[in-house]
Amino acid sequence: MSKTYIPRPDSAFNTWQANFVAKVTANPAAYGLTPADVADLAASSTGWQASLTASIKAKNASKGANAAKSESRKVYESKLRSLTNKIQAQPTTTDVRREELAITRPDRTLTPLA
């Protein structure tokens, strides 16, 4: 397999393509290109930049949403544990009720001391 000259990571690709576009745009004739080639290149570069920006924004939003979800779950789990402890402490809570809620049942098997 031949090695490609186009960098793989987006950040390196973005730097590389910006240089390519700048050099070609500054002097298209030196590279044997026409104004139509340069216009097409500019349009593609603009499309790439818009997609990259949207991708970065989505990634950052996802990180923020994930952090908010994790914090919300932490608070919610604490509330669930507190209420579970309250339910478990009720003398009227039966094992059937515990099974309905899928919470632990007390181990009523006596274990002999060594």
N, C-alpha and C. Protein backbone atom coordinates (compact mmCIF):
# COMPACT_ATOMS: atom_id res chain seq x y z
N MET A 1 0.85 -1.17 0.00
CA MET A 1 0.00 0.00 0.00
C MET A 1 0.90 1.24 0.00
N SER A 2 0.58 2.19 -0.83
CA SER A 2 1.39 3.40 -0.90
C SER A 2 0.99 4.37 0.20
N LYS A 3 1.97 5.13 0.62
CA LYS A 3 1.73 6.14 1.67
C LYS A 3 1.10 7.37 1.03
N THR A 4 0.07 7.87 1.66
CA THR A 4 -0.61 9.05 1.15
C THR A 4 0.06 10.33 1.66
N TYR A 5 0.04 11.33 0.86
CA TYR A 5 0.62 12.63 1.25
C TYR A 5 -0.40 13.47 2.01
N ILE A 6 -1.65 13.06 2.00
CA ILE A 6 -2.70 13.81 2.71
C ILE A 6 -2.75 13.31 4.15
N PRO A 7 -2.56 14.20 5.13
CA PRO A 7 -2.58 13.79 6.54
C PRO A 7 -3.92 13.20 6.95
N ARG A 8 -3.90 12.23 7.82
CA ARG A 8 -5.10 11.53 8.26
C ARG A 8 -5.89 12.29 9.34
N PRO A 9 -5.26 12.72 10.43
CA PRO A 9 -6.05 13.42 11.47
C PRO A 9 -6.64 14.72 10.92
N ASP A 10 -7.86 15.03 11.33
CA ASP A 10 -8.54 16.23 10.83
C ASP A 10 -7.74 17.51 11.05
N SER A 11 -7.13 17.65 12.21
CA SER A 11 -6.39 18.88 12.50
C SER A 11 -5.20 19.03 11.55
N ALA A 12 -4.48 17.95 11.32
CA ALA A 12 -3.33 18.00 10.39
C ALA A 12 -3.82 18.20 8.96
N PHE A 13 -4.91 17.54 8.61
CA PHE A 13 -5.48 17.71 7.27
C PHE A 13 -5.91 19.15 7.05
N ASN A 14 -6.53 19.75 8.06
CA ASN A 14 -7.02 21.12 7.94
C ASN A 14 -5.86 22.09 7.68
N THR A 15 -4.79 21.91 8.41
CA THR A 15 -3.61 22.75 8.20
C THR A 15 -3.04 22.55 6.80
N TRP A 16 -2.94 21.29 6.39
CA TRP A 16 -2.38 20.96 5.07
C TRP A 16 -3.24 21.55 3.95
N GLN A 17 -4.56 21.35 4.04
CA GLN A 17 -5.45 21.83 2.97
C GLN A 17 -5.47 23.35 2.90
N ALA A 18 -5.37 24.02 4.05
CA ALA A 18 -5.36 25.49 4.05
C ALA A 18 -4.13 26.02 3.32
N ASN A 19 -3.00 25.39 3.55
CA ASN A 19 -1.78 25.77 2.84
C ASN A 19 -1.93 25.51 1.34
N PHE A 20 -2.47 24.35 0.99
CA PHE A 20 -2.67 23.97 -0.41
C PHE A 20 -3.54 25.01 -1.11
N VAL A 21 -4.67 25.33 -0.51
CA VAL A 21 -5.61 26.29 -1.10
C VAL A 21 -4.96 27.67 -1.23
N ALA A 22 -4.26 28.10 -0.20
CA ALA A 22 -3.61 29.42 -0.23
C ALA A 22 -2.59 29.51 -1.35
N LYS A 23 -1.76 28.49 -1.49
CA LYS A 23 -0.71 28.51 -2.52
C LYS A 23 -1.30 28.45 -3.92
N VAL A 24 -2.27 27.56 -4.11
CA VAL A 24 -2.89 27.42 -5.44
C VAL A 24 -3.68 28.66 -5.81
N THR A 25 -4.39 29.23 -4.86
CA THR A 25 -5.20 30.42 -5.11
C THR A 25 -4.32 31.63 -5.45
N ALA A 26 -3.17 31.71 -4.81
CA ALA A 26 -2.27 32.85 -5.04
C ALA A 26 -1.70 32.85 -6.46
N ASN A 27 -1.50 31.68 -7.03
CA ASN A 27 -0.88 31.63 -8.36
C ASN A 27 -1.30 30.34 -9.09
N PRO A 28 -2.56 30.27 -9.51
CA PRO A 28 -3.06 29.04 -10.13
C PRO A 28 -2.28 28.65 -11.39
N ALA A 29 -1.88 29.63 -12.19
CA ALA A 29 -1.19 29.33 -13.45
C ALA A 29 0.13 28.59 -13.20
N ALA A 30 0.81 28.90 -12.13
CA ALA A 30 2.08 28.24 -11.82
C ALA A 30 1.89 26.74 -11.59
N TYR A 31 0.66 26.35 -11.24
CA TYR A 31 0.36 24.93 -11.00
C TYR A 31 -0.43 24.31 -12.15
N GLY A 32 -0.59 25.07 -13.22
CA GLY A 32 -1.32 24.59 -14.39
C GLY A 32 -2.81 24.48 -14.17
N LEU A 33 -3.34 25.32 -13.29
CA LEU A 33 -4.77 25.28 -12.98
C LEU A 33 -5.48 26.50 -13.56
N THR A 34 -6.78 26.33 -13.77
CA THR A 34 -7.61 27.40 -14.32
C THR A 34 -8.38 28.09 -13.19
N PRO A 35 -8.95 29.26 -13.49
CA PRO A 35 -9.81 29.91 -12.50
C PRO A 35 -10.98 29.00 -12.08
N ALA A 36 -11.49 28.20 -13.00
CA ALA A 36 -12.58 27.28 -12.66
C ALA A 36 -12.10 26.23 -11.64
N ASP A 37 -10.85 25.75 -11.82
CA ASP A 37 -10.28 24.79 -10.86
C ASP A 37 -10.21 25.42 -9.47
N VAL A 38 -9.75 26.67 -9.44
CA VAL A 38 -9.59 27.38 -8.16
C VAL A 38 -10.96 27.63 -7.52
N ALA A 39 -11.95 27.99 -8.32
CA ALA A 39 -13.29 28.24 -7.80
C ALA A 39 -13.87 26.95 -7.20
N ASP A 40 -13.67 25.83 -7.88
CA ASP A 40 -14.16 24.54 -7.40
C ASP A 40 -13.44 24.15 -6.10
N LEU A 41 -12.12 24.39 -6.08
CA LEU A 41 -11.33 24.11 -4.88
C LEU A 41 -11.81 24.95 -3.71
N ALA A 42 -12.06 26.24 -3.95
CA ALA A 42 -12.53 27.14 -2.90
C ALA A 42 -13.89 26.69 -2.35
N ALA A 43 -14.78 26.27 -3.23
CA ALA A 43 -16.09 25.79 -2.80
C ALA A 43 -15.96 24.54 -1.94
N SER A 44 -15.08 23.63 -2.36
CA SER A 44 -14.88 22.40 -1.58
C SER A 44 -14.24 22.71 -0.23
N SER A 45 -13.31 23.66 -0.21
CA SER A 45 -12.67 24.06 1.04
C SER A 45 -13.70 24.67 2.00
N THR A 46 -14.58 25.50 1.46
CA THR A 46 -15.63 26.11 2.28
C THR A 46 -16.55 25.03 2.86
N GLY A 47 -16.91 24.06 2.04
CA GLY A 47 -17.74 22.94 2.52
C GLY A 47 -17.05 22.15 3.62
N TRP A 48 -15.76 21.90 3.42
CA TRP A 48 -14.98 21.19 4.44
C TRP A 48 -14.95 21.98 5.74
N GLN A 49 -14.67 23.27 5.67
CA GLN A 49 -14.58 24.10 6.87
C GLN A 49 -15.91 24.11 7.64
N ALA A 50 -17.02 24.20 6.89
CA ALA A 50 -18.34 24.20 7.54
C ALA A 50 -18.60 22.86 8.23
N SER A 51 -18.24 21.77 7.57
CA SER A 51 -18.44 20.44 8.15
C SER A 51 -17.56 20.24 9.38
N LEU A 52 -16.31 20.69 9.30
CA LEU A 52 -15.40 20.56 10.43
C LEU A 52 -15.92 21.36 11.63
N THR A 53 -16.35 22.59 11.39
CA THR A 53 -16.88 23.43 12.46
C THR A 53 -18.11 22.77 13.10
N ALA A 54 -19.01 22.26 12.26
CA ALA A 54 -20.22 21.60 12.78
C ALA A 54 -19.85 20.36 13.59
N SER A 55 -18.88 19.61 13.12
CA SER A 55 -18.45 18.41 13.82
C SER A 55 -17.85 18.75 15.19
N ILE A 56 -17.03 19.77 15.24
CA ILE A 56 -16.41 20.19 16.51
C ILE A 56 -17.48 20.68 17.49
N LYS A 57 -18.43 21.47 16.99
CA LYS A 57 -19.52 21.96 17.85
C LYS A 57 -20.35 20.79 18.40
N ALA A 58 -20.65 19.81 17.53
CA ALA A 58 -21.44 18.65 17.96
C ALA A 58 -20.68 17.82 19.00
N LYS A 59 -19.39 17.66 18.77
CA LYS A 59 -18.56 16.90 19.71
C LYS A 59 -18.54 17.60 21.07
N ASN A 60 -18.36 18.92 21.07
CA ASN A 60 -18.34 19.67 22.33
C ASN A 60 -19.70 19.64 23.02
N ALA A 61 -20.77 19.74 22.23
CA ALA A 61 -22.12 19.67 22.81
C ALA A 61 -22.36 18.29 23.41
N SER A 62 -21.87 17.27 22.73
CA SER A 62 -22.04 15.91 23.22
C SER A 62 -21.31 15.72 24.55
N LYS A 63 -20.10 16.26 24.64
CA LYS A 63 -19.34 16.18 25.89
C LYS A 63 -20.11 16.86 27.01
N GLY A 64 -20.66 18.05 26.71
CA GLY A 64 -21.41 18.78 27.72
C GLY A 64 -22.67 18.04 28.14
N ALA A 65 -23.36 17.47 27.17
CA ALA A 65 -24.59 16.73 27.47
C ALA A 65 -24.27 15.47 28.27
N ASN A 66 -23.17 14.82 27.95
CA ASN A 66 -22.78 13.61 28.66
C ASN A 66 -22.40 13.94 30.11
N ALA A 67 -21.70 15.03 30.30
CA ALA A 67 -21.34 15.44 31.66
C ALA A 67 -22.59 15.78 32.48
N ALA A 68 -23.54 16.47 31.85
CA ALA A 68 -24.79 16.81 32.53
C ALA A 68 -25.58 15.55 32.88
N LYS A 69 -25.60 14.60 31.95
CA LYS A 69 -26.30 13.33 32.19
C LYS A 69 -25.66 12.59 33.36
N SER A 70 -24.34 12.53 33.37
CA SER A 70 -23.63 11.82 34.44
C SER A 70 -23.91 12.45 35.81
N GLU A 71 -23.90 13.77 35.86
CA GLU A 71 -24.18 14.46 37.12
C GLU A 71 -25.63 14.24 37.55
N SER A 72 -26.55 14.29 36.61
CA SER A 72 -27.96 14.07 36.91
C SER A 72 -28.17 12.65 37.44
N ARG A 73 -27.49 11.67 36.82
CA ARG A 73 -27.64 10.29 37.27
C ARG A 73 -27.09 10.14 38.68
N LYS A 74 -25.97 10.77 38.98
CA LYS A 74 -25.37 10.70 40.31
C LYS A 74 -26.36 11.21 41.36
N VAL A 75 -26.99 12.34 41.09
CA VAL A 75 -27.97 12.91 42.01
C VAL A 75 -29.19 11.98 42.13
N TYR A 76 -29.65 11.47 40.99
CA TYR A 76 -30.82 10.59 40.98
C TYR A 76 -30.55 9.28 41.71
N GLU A 77 -29.37 8.69 41.48
CA GLU A 77 -29.02 7.45 42.17
C GLU A 77 -29.01 7.66 43.68
N SER A 78 -28.51 8.80 44.13
CA SER A 78 -28.48 9.11 45.55
C SER A 78 -29.91 9.14 46.11
N LYS A 79 -30.81 9.77 45.34
CA LYS A 79 -32.22 9.83 45.77
C LYS A 79 -32.82 8.42 45.82
N LEU A 80 -32.53 7.60 44.79
CA LEU A 80 -33.06 6.23 44.76
C LEU A 80 -32.53 5.41 45.94
N ARG A 81 -31.24 5.56 46.24
CA ARG A 81 -30.66 4.82 47.37
C ARG A 81 -31.29 5.26 48.69
N SER A 82 -31.52 6.55 48.84
CA SER A 82 -32.13 7.06 50.06
C SER A 82 -33.54 6.49 50.24
N LEU A 83 -34.30 6.51 49.16
CA LEU A 83 -35.67 5.97 49.24
C LEU A 83 -35.67 4.45 49.44
N THR A 84 -34.72 3.78 48.83
CA THR A 84 -34.61 2.33 49.01
C THR A 84 -34.31 2.01 50.48
N ASN A 85 -33.39 2.78 51.06
CA ASN A 85 -33.08 2.58 52.49
C ASN A 85 -34.31 2.79 53.35
N LYS A 86 -35.10 3.78 53.01
CA LYS A 86 -36.34 4.06 53.76
C LYS A 86 -37.31 2.89 53.63
N ILE A 87 -37.45 2.37 52.40
CA ILE A 87 -38.34 1.23 52.16
C ILE A 87 -37.84 0.00 52.92
N GLN A 88 -36.52 -0.24 52.84
CA GLN A 88 -35.95 -1.41 53.50
C GLN A 88 -36.14 -1.35 55.01
N ALA A 89 -36.14 -0.15 55.58
CA ALA A 89 -36.28 0.01 57.02
C ALA A 89 -37.70 -0.19 57.52
N GLN A 90 -38.67 -0.16 56.63
CA GLN A 90 -40.06 -0.35 57.03
C GLN A 90 -40.30 -1.80 57.44
N PRO A 91 -40.82 -2.05 58.62
CA PRO A 91 -41.07 -3.43 59.04
C PRO A 91 -42.15 -4.11 58.20
N THR A 92 -42.95 -3.33 57.52
CA THR A 92 -44.03 -3.91 56.71
C THR A 92 -43.58 -4.25 55.28
N THR A 93 -42.35 -3.93 54.92
CA THR A 93 -41.87 -4.23 53.57
C THR A 93 -41.57 -5.72 53.48
N THR A 94 -42.26 -6.37 52.54
CA THR A 94 -42.10 -7.81 52.36
C THR A 94 -41.08 -8.11 51.27
N ASP A 95 -40.63 -9.36 51.24
CA ASP A 95 -39.70 -9.78 50.19
C ASP A 95 -40.36 -9.68 48.81
N VAL A 96 -41.66 -9.90 48.76
CA VAL A 96 -42.39 -9.76 47.49
C VAL A 96 -42.29 -8.32 46.99
N ARG A 97 -42.48 -7.38 47.87
CA ARG A 97 -42.37 -5.96 47.51
C ARG A 97 -40.93 -5.64 47.07
N ARG A 98 -39.97 -6.19 47.78
CA ARG A 98 -38.57 -5.97 47.40
C ARG A 98 -38.31 -6.51 45.98
N GLU A 99 -38.84 -7.68 45.70
CA GLU A 99 -38.66 -8.27 44.36
C GLU A 99 -39.35 -7.42 43.29
N GLU A 100 -40.52 -6.87 43.61
CA GLU A 100 -41.20 -5.99 42.65
C GLU A 100 -40.32 -4.80 42.27
N LEU A 101 -39.59 -4.28 43.23
CA LEU A 101 -38.72 -3.12 42.99
C LEU A 101 -37.32 -3.52 42.54
N ALA A 102 -37.05 -4.82 42.54
CA ALA A 102 -35.73 -5.36 42.18
C ALA A 102 -34.64 -4.77 43.08
N ILE A 103 -34.93 -4.76 44.38
CA ILE A 103 -33.94 -4.33 45.35
C ILE A 103 -33.53 -5.56 46.16
N THR A 104 -32.44 -5.46 46.90
CA THR A 104 -31.94 -6.61 47.63
C THR A 104 -32.89 -7.05 48.73
N ARG A 105 -32.88 -8.36 48.91
CA ARG A 105 -33.63 -8.94 50.03
C ARG A 105 -32.63 -9.29 51.11
N PRO A 106 -33.02 -9.14 52.34
CA PRO A 106 -32.10 -9.49 53.42
C PRO A 106 -31.77 -10.99 53.38
N ASP A 107 -30.53 -11.32 53.72
CA ASP A 107 -30.12 -12.71 53.81
C ASP A 107 -30.54 -13.22 55.19
N ARG A 108 -31.48 -14.11 55.20
CA ARG A 108 -32.00 -14.62 56.46
C ARG A 108 -31.39 -15.97 56.86
N THR A 109 -30.41 -16.43 56.10
CA THR A 109 -29.75 -17.69 56.41
C THR A 109 -28.67 -17.43 57.45
N LEU A 110 -28.77 -18.12 58.56
CA LEU A 110 -27.79 -17.95 59.61
C LEU A 110 -26.50 -18.64 59.21
N THR A 111 -25.42 -17.95 59.39
CA THR A 111 -24.10 -18.50 59.09
C THR A 111 -23.41 -18.80 60.41
N PRO A 112 -22.99 -20.06 60.60
CA PRO A 112 -22.35 -20.38 61.87
C PRO A 112 -21.00 -19.69 62.01
N LEU A 113 -20.70 -19.31 63.24
CA LEU A 113 -19.42 -18.69 63.53
C LEU A 113 -18.34 -19.77 63.54
N ALA A 114 -17.15 -19.40 63.16
CA ALA A 114 -16.05 -20.36 63.13
C ALA A 114 -15.55 -20.67 64.51
